[in-house]
Amino acid sequence: MGEENLGFIAIMENFNLERVSLMAGALEMMHVCLAESIDWDHTRQTFGQPLIRHQVIRHKIADMSARIYAVEAYLNQICWSVNSGDMPVAEICKANIFCD
């Protein structure tokens, strides 16, 4: 169970790993949303052509993709640190901001 009067600290340390797992789940949902958006953009017609043919839509997809890969790189770095025995609390908290 742990040492007496240190339960709160154990719970707080556990929250860090929960945040990492929530980021991984959010990252997967980001990938799904990007794929669904691209599929929709290929099928939806506006002004006589598929939505994907509009430059502004392609820019939005590129922005989504860049943000997703940035979160993925950040998460990989955090997981590497955790596996090395470190608990980068500040990095975990900062990375969660990008998963909104």
PDB file of N, CA and C in Angstrom:
ATOM      1  N   MET A   1       0.825  -1.194   0.000  1.00  0.00           N
ATOM      2  CA  MET A   1       0.000   0.000   0.000  1.00  0.00           C
ATOM      3  C   MET A   1       0.865   1.253   0.000  1.00  0.00           C
ATOM      4  N   GLY A   2       1.990   1.238   0.605  1.00  0.00           N
ATOM      5  CA  GLY A   2       2.835   2.416   0.669  1.00  0.00           C
ATOM      6  C   GLY A   2       3.026   2.871   2.097  1.00  0.00           C
ATOM      7  N   GLU A   3       3.860   3.867   2.217  1.00  0.00           N
ATOM      8  CA  GLU A   3       4.157   4.381   3.550  1.00  0.00           C
ATOM      9  C   GLU A   3       3.008   5.221   4.083  1.00  0.00           C
ATOM     10  N   GLU A   4       2.902   5.248   5.402  1.00  0.00           N
ATOM     11  CA  GLU A   4       1.851   6.008   6.053  1.00  0.00           C
ATOM     12  C   GLU A   4       2.059   7.498   5.807  1.00  0.00           C
ATOM     13  N   ASN A   5       0.971   8.194   5.578  1.00  0.00           N
ATOM     14  CA  ASN A   5       0.939   9.642   5.337  1.00  0.00           C
ATOM     15  C   ASN A   5       1.589  10.065   4.022  1.00  0.00           C
ATOM     16  N   LEU A   6       1.849   9.133   3.118  1.00  0.00           N
ATOM     17  CA  LEU A   6       2.401   9.475   1.805  1.00  0.00           C
ATOM     18  C   LEU A   6       1.451   9.091   0.676  1.00  0.00           C
ATOM     19  N   GLY A   7       0.199   8.802   1.022  1.00  0.00           N
ATOM     20  CA  GLY A   7      -0.781   8.394   0.023  1.00  0.00           C
ATOM     21  C   GLY A   7      -1.072   9.481  -0.994  1.00  0.00           C
ATOM     22  N   PHE A   8      -1.150  10.729  -0.526  1.00  0.00           N
ATOM     23  CA  PHE A   8      -1.445  11.836  -1.447  1.00  0.00           C
ATOM     24  C   PHE A   8      -0.356  11.972  -2.499  1.00  0.00           C
ATOM     25  N   ILE A   9       0.894  11.838  -2.086  1.00  0.00           N
ATOM     26  CA  ILE A   9       2.015  11.948  -3.033  1.00  0.00           C
ATOM     27  C   ILE A   9       1.949  10.818  -4.054  1.00  0.00           C
ATOM     28  N   ALA A  10       1.625   9.607  -3.598  1.00  0.00           N
ATOM     29  CA  ALA A  10       1.513   8.472  -4.526  1.00  0.00           C
ATOM     30  C   ALA A  10       0.406   8.709  -5.553  1.00  0.00           C
ATOM     31  N   ILE A  11      -0.707   9.257  -5.087  1.00  0.00           N
ATOM     32  CA  ILE A  11      -1.816   9.544  -6.000  1.00  0.00           C
ATOM     33  C   ILE A  11      -1.411  10.605  -7.014  1.00  0.00           C
ATOM     34  N   MET A  12      -0.737  11.655  -6.562  1.00  0.00           N
ATOM     35  CA  MET A  12      -0.315  12.728  -7.463  1.00  0.00           C
ATOM     36  C   MET A  12       0.679  12.215  -8.506  1.00  0.00           C
ATOM     37  N   GLU A  13       1.589  11.324  -8.096  1.00  0.00           N
ATOM     38  CA  GLU A  13       2.541  10.755  -9.051  1.00  0.00           C
ATOM     39  C   GLU A  13       1.825   9.876 -10.077  1.00  0.00           C
ATOM     40  N   ASN A  14       0.776   9.208  -9.666  1.00  0.00           N
ATOM     41  CA  ASN A  14       0.001   8.378 -10.582  1.00  0.00           C
ATOM     42  C   ASN A  14      -0.714   9.232 -11.631  1.00  0.00           C
ATOM     43  N   PHE A  15      -1.105  10.436 -11.260  1.00  0.00           N
ATOM     44  CA  PHE A  15      -1.774  11.333 -12.213  1.00  0.00           C
ATOM     45  C   PHE A  15      -0.886  11.623 -13.421  1.00  0.00           C
ATOM     46  N   ASN A  16       0.426  11.684 -13.225  1.00  0.00           N
ATOM     47  CA  ASN A  16       1.324  11.965 -14.346  1.00  0.00           C
ATOM     48  C   ASN A  16       1.222  10.884 -15.413  1.00  0.00           C
ATOM     49  N   LEU A  17       1.219   9.631 -14.997  1.00  0.00           N
ATOM     50  CA  LEU A  17       1.095   8.545 -15.971  1.00  0.00           C
ATOM     51  C   LEU A  17      -0.290   8.528 -16.612  1.00  0.00           C
ATOM     52  N   GLU A  18      -1.312   8.912 -15.859  1.00  0.00           N
ATOM     53  CA  GLU A  18      -2.650   9.000 -16.446  1.00  0.00           C
ATOM     54  C   GLU A  18      -2.701  10.089 -17.514  1.00  0.00           C
ATOM     55  N   ARG A  19      -2.026  11.198 -17.260  1.00  0.00           N
ATOM     56  CA  ARG A  19      -1.986  12.274 -18.268  1.00  0.00           C
ATOM     57  C   ARG A  19      -1.311  11.796 -19.546  1.00  0.00           C
ATOM     58  N   VAL A  20      -0.235  11.027 -19.398  1.00  0.00           N
ATOM     59  CA  VAL A  20       0.462  10.504 -20.578  1.00  0.00           C
ATOM     60  C   VAL A  20      -0.466   9.579 -21.364  1.00  0.00           C
ATOM     61  N   SER A  21      -1.193   8.717 -20.677  1.00  0.00           N
ATOM     62  CA  SER A  21      -2.098   7.806 -21.387  1.00  0.00           C
ATOM     63  C   SER A  21      -3.260   8.569 -22.029  1.00  0.00           C
ATOM     64  N   LEU A  22      -3.728   9.626 -21.391  1.00  0.00           N
ATOM     65  CA  LEU A  22      -4.782  10.451 -22.002  1.00  0.00           C
ATOM     66  C   LEU A  22      -4.266  11.154 -23.250  1.00  0.00           C
ATOM     67  N   MET A  23      -3.009  11.596 -23.211  1.00  0.00           N
ATOM     68  CA  MET A  23      -2.421  12.206 -24.403  1.00  0.00           C
ATOM     69  C   MET A  23      -2.343  11.213 -25.541  1.00  0.00           C
ATOM     70  N   ALA A  24      -1.984   9.973 -25.233  1.00  0.00           N
ATOM     71  CA  ALA A  24      -1.907   8.946 -26.283  1.00  0.00           C
ATOM     72  C   ALA A  24      -3.278   8.706 -26.901  1.00  0.00           C
ATOM     73  N   GLY A  25      -4.312   8.667 -26.066  1.00  0.00           N
ATOM     74  CA  GLY A  25      -5.670   8.510 -26.588  1.00  0.00           C
ATOM     75  C   GLY A  25      -6.099   9.692 -27.433  1.00  0.00           C
ATOM     76  N   ALA A  26      -5.761  10.899 -26.970  1.00  0.00           N
ATOM     77  CA  ALA A  26      -6.098  12.096 -27.742  1.00  0.00           C
ATOM     78  C   ALA A  26      -5.357  12.114 -29.071  1.00  0.00           C
ATOM     79  N   LEU A  27      -4.112  11.675 -29.062  1.00  0.00           N
ATOM     80  CA  LEU A  27      -3.333  11.630 -30.301  1.00  0.00           C
ATOM     81  C   LEU A  27      -3.969  10.698 -31.319  1.00  0.00           C
ATOM     82  N   GLU A  28      -4.429   9.552 -30.867  1.00  0.00           N
ATOM     83  CA  GLU A  28      -5.082   8.623 -31.785  1.00  0.00           C
ATOM     84  C   GLU A  28      -6.363   9.234 -32.355  1.00  0.00           C
ATOM     85  N   MET A  29      -7.110   9.925 -31.514  1.00  0.00           N
ATOM     86  CA  MET A  29      -8.329  10.588 -32.007  1.00  0.00           C
ATOM     87  C   MET A  29      -7.985  11.682 -33.014  1.00  0.00           C
ATOM     88  N   MET A  30      -6.863  12.370 -32.815  1.00  0.00           N
ATOM     89  CA  MET A  30      -6.423  13.382 -33.782  1.00  0.00           C
ATOM     90  C   MET A  30      -6.157  12.738 -35.137  1.00  0.00           C
ATOM     91  N   HIS A  31      -5.496  11.571 -35.129  1.00  0.00           N
ATOM     92  CA  HIS A  31      -5.235  10.859 -36.389  1.00  0.00           C
ATOM     93  C   HIS A  31      -6.534  10.454 -37.070  1.00  0.00           C
ATOM     94  N   VAL A  32      -7.491   9.978 -36.294  1.00  0.00           N
ATOM     95  CA  VAL A  32      -8.783   9.570 -36.848  1.00  0.00           C
ATOM     96  C   VAL A  32      -9.509  10.781 -37.441  1.00  0.00           C
ATOM     97  N   CYS A  33      -9.512  11.892 -36.726  1.00  0.00           N
ATOM     98  CA  CYS A  33     -10.188  13.091 -37.219  1.00  0.00           C
ATOM     99  C   CYS A  33      -9.555  13.599 -38.504  1.00  0.00           C
ATOM    100  N   LEU A  34      -8.231  13.550 -38.580  1.00  0.00           N
ATOM    101  CA  LEU A  34      -7.555  13.974 -39.807  1.00  0.00           C
ATOM    102  C   LEU A  34      -7.945  13.078 -40.970  1.00  0.00           C
ATOM    103  N   ALA A  35      -7.930  11.774 -40.754  1.00  0.00           N
ATOM    104  CA  ALA A  35      -8.296  10.844 -41.833  1.00  0.00           C
ATOM    105  C   ALA A  35      -9.747  11.036 -42.261  1.00  0.00           C
ATOM    106  N   GLU A  36     -10.642  11.210 -41.302  1.00  0.00           N
ATOM    107  CA  GLU A  36     -12.051  11.438 -41.623  1.00  0.00           C
ATOM    108  C   GLU A  36     -12.227  12.763 -42.375  1.00  0.00           C
ATOM    109  N   SER A  37     -11.486  13.775 -41.984  1.00  0.00           N
ATOM    110  CA  SER A  37     -11.578  15.071 -42.669  1.00  0.00           C
ATOM    111  C   SER A  37     -11.133  14.959 -44.118  1.00  0.00           C
ATOM    112  N   ILE A  38     -10.048  14.248 -44.327  1.00  0.00           N
ATOM    113  CA  ILE A  38      -9.545  14.084 -45.697  1.00  0.00           C
ATOM    114  C   ILE A  38     -10.545  13.294 -46.533  1.00  0.00           C
ATOM    115  N   ASP A  39     -11.112  12.232 -45.965  1.00  0.00           N
ATOM    116  CA  ASP A  39     -12.134  11.465 -46.693  1.00  0.00           C
ATOM    117  C   ASP A  39     -13.331  12.344 -47.059  1.00  0.00           C
ATOM    118  N   TRP A  40     -13.782  13.143 -46.103  1.00  0.00           N
ATOM    119  CA  TRP A  40     -14.919  14.036 -46.338  1.00  0.00           C
ATOM    120  C   TRP A  40     -14.578  15.057 -47.416  1.00  0.00           C
ATOM    121  N   ASP A  41     -13.374  15.599 -47.361  1.00  0.00           N
ATOM    122  CA  ASP A  41     -12.964  16.615 -48.335  1.00  0.00           C
ATOM    123  C   ASP A  41     -12.889  16.057 -49.745  1.00  0.00           C
ATOM    124  N   HIS A  42     -12.659  14.767 -49.868  1.00  0.00           N
ATOM    125  CA  HIS A  42     -12.631  14.151 -51.200  1.00  0.00           C
ATOM    126  C   HIS A  42     -14.036  13.906 -51.739  1.00  0.00           C
ATOM    127  N   THR A  43     -15.021  13.709 -50.861  1.00  0.00           N
ATOM    128  CA  THR A  43     -16.367  13.391 -51.325  1.00  0.00           C
ATOM    129  C   THR A  43     -17.281  14.608 -51.414  1.00  0.00           C
ATOM    130  N   ARG A  44     -17.096  15.595 -50.577  1.00  0.00           N
ATOM    131  CA  ARG A  44     -17.966  16.782 -50.553  1.00  0.00           C
ATOM    132  C   ARG A  44     -17.658  17.675 -51.753  1.00  0.00           C
ATOM    133  N   GLN A  45     -18.688  18.050 -52.447  1.00  0.00           N
ATOM    134  CA  GLN A  45     -18.555  18.908 -53.631  1.00  0.00           C
ATOM    135  C   GLN A  45     -18.997  20.334 -53.303  1.00  0.00           C
ATOM    136  N   THR A  46     -18.182  21.308 -53.660  1.00  0.00           N
ATOM    137  CA  THR A  46     -18.568  22.720 -53.563  1.00  0.00           C
ATOM    138  C   THR A  46     -18.093  23.436 -54.811  1.00  0.00           C
ATOM    139  N   PHE A  47     -18.927  24.300 -55.327  1.00  0.00           N
ATOM    140  CA  PHE A  47     -18.602  25.067 -56.532  1.00  0.00           C
ATOM    141  C   PHE A  47     -18.155  24.161 -57.669  1.00  0.00           C
ATOM    142  N   GLY A  48     -18.769  22.969 -57.751  1.00  0.00           N
ATOM    143  CA  GLY A  48     -18.514  22.065 -58.864  1.00  0.00           C
ATOM    144  C   GLY A  48     -17.239  21.242 -58.754  1.00  0.00           C
ATOM    145  N   GLN A  49     -16.591  21.234 -57.620  1.00  0.00           N
ATOM    146  CA  GLN A  49     -15.377  20.435 -57.465  1.00  0.00           C
ATOM    147  C   GLN A  49     -15.274  19.918 -56.022  1.00  0.00           C
ATOM    148  N   PRO A  50     -14.478  18.874 -55.825  1.00  0.00           N
ATOM    149  CA  PRO A  50     -14.325  18.353 -54.458  1.00  0.00           C
ATOM    150  C   PRO A  50     -13.714  19.420 -53.536  1.00  0.00           C
ATOM    151  N   LEU A  51     -14.097  19.373 -52.293  1.00  0.00           N
ATOM    152  CA  LEU A  51     -13.619  20.342 -51.312  1.00  0.00           C
ATOM    153  C   LEU A  51     -12.088  20.349 -51.224  1.00  0.00           C
ATOM    154  N   ILE A  52     -11.474  19.193 -51.420  1.00  0.00           N
ATOM    155  CA  ILE A  52     -10.024  19.070 -51.312  1.00  0.00           C
ATOM    156  C   ILE A  52      -9.302  19.896 -52.374  1.00  0.00           C
ATOM    157  N   ARG A  53      -9.996  20.251 -53.436  1.00  0.00           N
ATOM    158  CA  ARG A  53      -9.374  21.036 -54.512  1.00  0.00           C
ATOM    159  C   ARG A  53      -9.200  22.504 -54.142  1.00  0.00           C
ATOM    160  N   HIS A  54      -9.839  22.956 -53.063  1.00  0.00           N
ATOM    161  CA  HIS A  54      -9.715  24.347 -52.624  1.00  0.00           C
ATOM    162  C   HIS A  54      -8.452  24.513 -51.785  1.00  0.00           C
ATOM    163  N   GLN A  55      -7.668  25.507 -52.121  1.00  0.00           N
ATOM    164  CA  GLN A  55      -6.388  25.706 -51.461  1.00  0.00           C
ATOM    165  C   GLN A  55      -6.533  25.934 -49.953  1.00  0.00           C
ATOM    166  N   VAL A  56      -7.541  26.662 -49.551  1.00  0.00           N
ATOM    167  CA  VAL A  56      -7.733  26.944 -48.124  1.00  0.00           C
ATOM    168  C   VAL A  56      -7.971  25.660 -47.338  1.00  0.00           C
ATOM    169  N   ILE A  57      -8.653  24.707 -47.917  1.00  0.00           N
ATOM    170  CA  ILE A  57      -8.901  23.426 -47.258  1.00  0.00           C
ATOM    171  C   ILE A  57      -7.601  22.633 -47.145  1.00  0.00           C
ATOM    172  N   ARG A  58      -6.804  22.647 -48.192  1.00  0.00           N
ATOM    173  CA  ARG A  58      -5.512  21.951 -48.138  1.00  0.00           C
ATOM    174  C   ARG A  58      -4.603  22.567 -47.080  1.00  0.00           C
ATOM    175  N   HIS A  59      -4.676  23.888 -46.917  1.00  0.00           N
ATOM    176  CA  HIS A  59      -3.887  24.549 -45.866  1.00  0.00           C
ATOM    177  C   HIS A  59      -4.348  24.100 -44.483  1.00  0.00           C
ATOM    178  N   LYS A  60      -5.649  23.992 -44.305  1.00  0.00           N
ATOM    179  CA  LYS A  60      -6.183  23.540 -43.013  1.00  0.00           C
ATOM    180  C   LYS A  60      -5.744  22.109 -42.712  1.00  0.00           C
ATOM    181  N   ILE A  61      -5.749  21.254 -43.709  1.00  0.00           N
ATOM    182  CA  ILE A  61      -5.299  19.877 -43.523  1.00  0.00           C
ATOM    183  C   ILE A  61      -3.809  19.846 -43.183  1.00  0.00           C
ATOM    184  N   ALA A  62      -3.025  20.672 -43.858  1.00  0.00           N
ATOM    185  CA  ALA A  62      -1.591  20.729 -43.566  1.00  0.00           C
ATOM    186  C   ALA A  62      -1.344  21.211 -42.136  1.00  0.00           C
ATOM    187  N   ASP A  63      -2.104  22.204 -41.676  1.00  0.00           N
ATOM    188  CA  ASP A  63      -1.975  22.679 -40.296  1.00  0.00           C
ATOM    189  C   ASP A  63      -2.343  21.590 -39.299  1.00  0.00           C
ATOM    190  N   MET A  64      -3.442  20.890 -39.568  1.00  0.00           N
ATOM    191  CA  MET A  64      -3.853  19.790 -38.688  1.00  0.00           C
ATOM    192  C   MET A  64      -2.753  18.731 -38.621  1.00  0.00           C
ATOM    193  N   SER A  65      -2.218  18.373 -39.756  1.00  0.00           N
ATOM    194  CA  SER A  65      -1.190  17.348 -39.819  1.00  0.00           C
ATOM    195  C   SER A  65       0.062  17.771 -39.059  1.00  0.00           C
ATOM    196  N   ALA A  66       0.477  19.015 -39.224  1.00  0.00           N
ATOM    197  CA  ALA A  66       1.670  19.509 -38.523  1.00  0.00           C
ATOM    198  C   ALA A  66       1.475  19.487 -37.012  1.00  0.00           C
ATOM    199  N   ARG A  67       0.302  19.892 -36.549  1.00  0.00           N
ATOM    200  CA  ARG A  67       0.030  19.869 -35.106  1.00  0.00           C
ATOM    201  C   ARG A  67       0.017  18.442 -34.569  1.00  0.00           C
ATOM    202  N   ILE A  68      -0.559  17.533 -35.319  1.00  0.00           N
ATOM    203  CA  ILE A  68      -0.619  16.140 -34.893  1.00  0.00           C
ATOM    204  C   ILE A  68       0.783  15.556 -34.768  1.00  0.00           C
ATOM    205  N   TYR A  69       1.619  15.795 -35.769  1.00  0.00           N
ATOM    206  CA  TYR A  69       2.970  15.244 -35.714  1.00  0.00           C
ATOM    207  C   TYR A  69       3.818  15.909 -34.639  1.00  0.00           C
ATOM    208  N   ALA A  70       3.551  17.162 -34.321  1.00  0.00           N
ATOM    209  CA  ALA A  70       4.250  17.821 -33.216  1.00  0.00           C
ATOM    210  C   ALA A  70       3.877  17.183 -31.880  1.00  0.00           C
ATOM    211  N   VAL A  71       2.587  16.916 -31.679  1.00  0.00           N
ATOM    212  CA  VAL A  71       2.142  16.254 -30.449  1.00  0.00           C
ATOM    213  C   VAL A  71       2.734  14.849 -30.369  1.00  0.00           C
ATOM    214  N   GLU A  72       2.769  14.158 -31.494  1.00  0.00           N
ATOM    215  CA  GLU A  72       3.321  12.806 -31.503  1.00  0.00           C
ATOM    216  C   GLU A  72       4.803  12.814 -31.124  1.00  0.00           C
ATOM    217  N   ALA A  73       5.552  13.759 -31.650  1.00  0.00           N
ATOM    218  CA  ALA A  73       6.979  13.859 -31.317  1.00  0.00           C
ATOM    219  C   ALA A  73       7.170  14.194 -29.844  1.00  0.00           C
ATOM    220  N   TYR A  74       6.352  15.107 -29.337  1.00  0.00           N
ATOM    221  CA  TYR A  74       6.428  15.484 -27.925  1.00  0.00           C
ATOM    222  C   TYR A  74       6.104  14.283 -27.035  1.00  0.00           C
ATOM    223  N   LEU A  75       5.071  13.542 -27.394  1.00  0.00           N
ATOM    224  CA  LEU A  75       4.682  12.367 -26.617  1.00  0.00           C
ATOM    225  C   LEU A  75       5.768  11.298 -26.660  1.00  0.00           C
ATOM    226  N   ASN A  76       6.386  11.101 -27.803  1.00  0.00           N
ATOM    227  CA  ASN A  76       7.486  10.133 -27.894  1.00  0.00           C
ATOM    228  C   ASN A  76       8.644  10.529 -26.993  1.00  0.00           C
ATOM    229  N   GLN A  77       8.957  11.814 -26.953  1.00  0.00           N
ATOM    230  CA  GLN A  77      10.025  12.306 -26.093  1.00  0.00           C
ATOM    231  C   GLN A  77       9.682  12.067 -24.616  1.00  0.00           C
ATOM    232  N   ILE A  78       8.448  12.336 -24.244  1.00  0.00           N
ATOM    233  CA  ILE A  78       8.009  12.132 -22.866  1.00  0.00           C
ATOM    234  C   ILE A  78       8.071  10.650 -22.498  1.00  0.00           C
ATOM    235  N   CYS A  79       7.577   9.794 -23.381  1.00  0.00           N
ATOM    236  CA  CYS A  79       7.603   8.356 -23.106  1.00  0.00           C
ATOM    237  C   CYS A  79       9.036   7.840 -22.979  1.00  0.00           C
ATOM    238  N   TRP A  80       9.934   8.350 -23.790  1.00  0.00           N
ATOM    239  CA  TRP A  80      11.338   7.962 -23.689  1.00  0.00           C
ATOM    240  C   TRP A  80      11.891   8.359 -22.329  1.00  0.00           C
ATOM    241  N   SER A  81      11.561   9.561 -21.860  1.00  0.00           N
ATOM    242  CA  SER A  81      12.024  10.020 -20.553  1.00  0.00           C
ATOM    243  C   SER A  81      11.463   9.154 -19.430  1.00  0.00           C
ATOM    244  N   VAL A  82      10.168   8.837 -19.513  1.00  0.00           N
ATOM    245  CA  VAL A  82       9.538   8.008 -18.487  1.00  0.00           C
ATOM    246  C   VAL A  82      10.169   6.615 -18.472  1.00  0.00           C
ATOM    247  N   ASN A  83      10.402   6.047 -19.646  1.00  0.00           N
ATOM    248  CA  ASN A  83      11.025   4.723 -19.714  1.00  0.00           C
ATOM    249  C   ASN A  83      12.465   4.736 -19.213  1.00  0.00           C
ATOM    250  N   SER A  84      13.106   5.899 -19.257  1.00  0.00           N
ATOM    251  CA  SER A  84      14.476   6.033 -18.760  1.00  0.00           C
ATOM    252  C   SER A  84      14.526   6.245 -17.254  1.00  0.00           C
ATOM    253  N   GLY A  85      13.368   6.333 -16.624  1.00  0.00           N
ATOM    254  CA  GLY A  85      13.321   6.485 -15.179  1.00  0.00           C
ATOM    255  C   GLY A  85      13.042   7.893 -14.696  1.00  0.00           C
ATOM    256  N   ASP A  86      12.904   8.831 -15.607  1.00  0.00           N
ATOM    257  CA  ASP A  86      12.619  10.212 -15.251  1.00  0.00           C
ATOM    258  C   ASP A  86      11.110  10.440 -15.311  1.00  0.00           C
ATOM    259  N   MET A  87      10.613  11.425 -14.583  1.00  0.00           N
ATOM    260  CA  MET A  87       9.200  11.791 -14.669  1.00  0.00           C
ATOM    261  C   MET A  87       9.140  13.288 -15.003  1.00  0.00           C
ATOM    262  N   PRO A  88       9.099  13.617 -16.305  1.00  0.00           N
ATOM    263  CA  PRO A  88       9.130  15.030 -16.718  1.00  0.00           C
ATOM    264  C   PRO A  88       7.764  15.700 -16.527  1.00  0.00           C
ATOM    265  N   VAL A  89       7.462  16.049 -15.297  1.00  0.00           N
ATOM    266  CA  VAL A  89       6.137  16.580 -14.953  1.00  0.00           C
ATOM    267  C   VAL A  89       5.818  17.839 -15.748  1.00  0.00           C
ATOM    268  N   ALA A  90       6.768  18.756 -15.828  1.00  0.00           N
ATOM    269  CA  ALA A  90       6.518  20.009 -16.548  1.00  0.00           C
ATOM    270  C   ALA A  90       6.230  19.739 -18.023  1.00  0.00           C
ATOM    271  N   GLU A  91       6.978  18.824 -18.618  1.00  0.00           N
ATOM    272  CA  GLU A  91       6.768  18.504 -20.035  1.00  0.00           C
ATOM    273  C   GLU A  91       5.409  17.848 -20.254  1.00  0.00           C
ATOM    274  N   ILE A  92       5.012  16.995 -19.326  1.00  0.00           N
ATOM    275  CA  ILE A  92       3.703  16.335 -19.431  1.00  0.00           C
ATOM    276  C   ILE A  92       2.593  17.381 -19.382  1.00  0.00           C
ATOM    277  N   CYS A  93       2.709  18.324 -18.454  1.00  0.00           N
ATOM    278  CA  CYS A  93       1.687  19.369 -18.334  1.00  0.00           C
ATOM    279  C   CYS A  93       1.646  20.257 -19.575  1.00  0.00           C
ATOM    280  N   LYS A  94       2.820  20.598 -20.108  1.00  0.00           N
ATOM    281  CA  LYS A  94       2.866  21.442 -21.314  1.00  0.00           C
ATOM    282  C   LYS A  94       2.292  20.713 -22.522  1.00  0.00           C
ATOM    283  N   ALA A  95       2.609  19.443 -22.639  1.00  0.00           N
ATOM    284  CA  ALA A  95       2.134  18.672 -23.788  1.00  0.00           C
ATOM    285  C   ALA A  95       0.617  18.522 -23.785  1.00  0.00           C
ATOM    286  N   ASN A  96       0.025  18.455 -22.609  1.00  0.00           N
ATOM    287  CA  ASN A  96      -1.433  18.333 -22.529  1.00  0.00           C
ATOM    288  C   ASN A  96      -2.143  19.537 -23.129  1.00  0.00           C
ATOM    289  N   ILE A  97      -1.503  20.682 -23.115  1.00  0.00           N
ATOM    290  CA  ILE A  97      -2.104  21.889 -23.698  1.00  0.00           C
ATOM    291  C   ILE A  97      -2.340  21.681 -25.194  1.00  0.00           C
ATOM    292  N   PHE A  98      -1.440  20.990 -25.863  1.00  0.00           N
ATOM    293  CA  PHE A  98      -1.550  20.794 -27.311  1.00  0.00           C
ATOM    294  C   PHE A  98      -2.552  19.719 -27.697  1.00  0.00           C
ATOM    295  N   CYS A  99      -3.050  18.989 -26.713  1.00  0.00           N
ATOM    296  CA  CYS A  99      -4.014  17.921 -26.989  1.00  0.00           C
ATOM    297  C   CYS A  99      -5.459  18.396 -26.885  1.00  0.00           C
ATOM    298  N   ASP A 100      -5.677  19.666 -26.654  1.00  0.00           N
ATOM    299  CA  ASP A 100      -7.042  20.204 -26.549  1.00  0.00           C
ATOM    300  C   ASP A 100      -7.704  20.269 -27.894  1.00  0.00           C
TER     301      ASP A 100
END
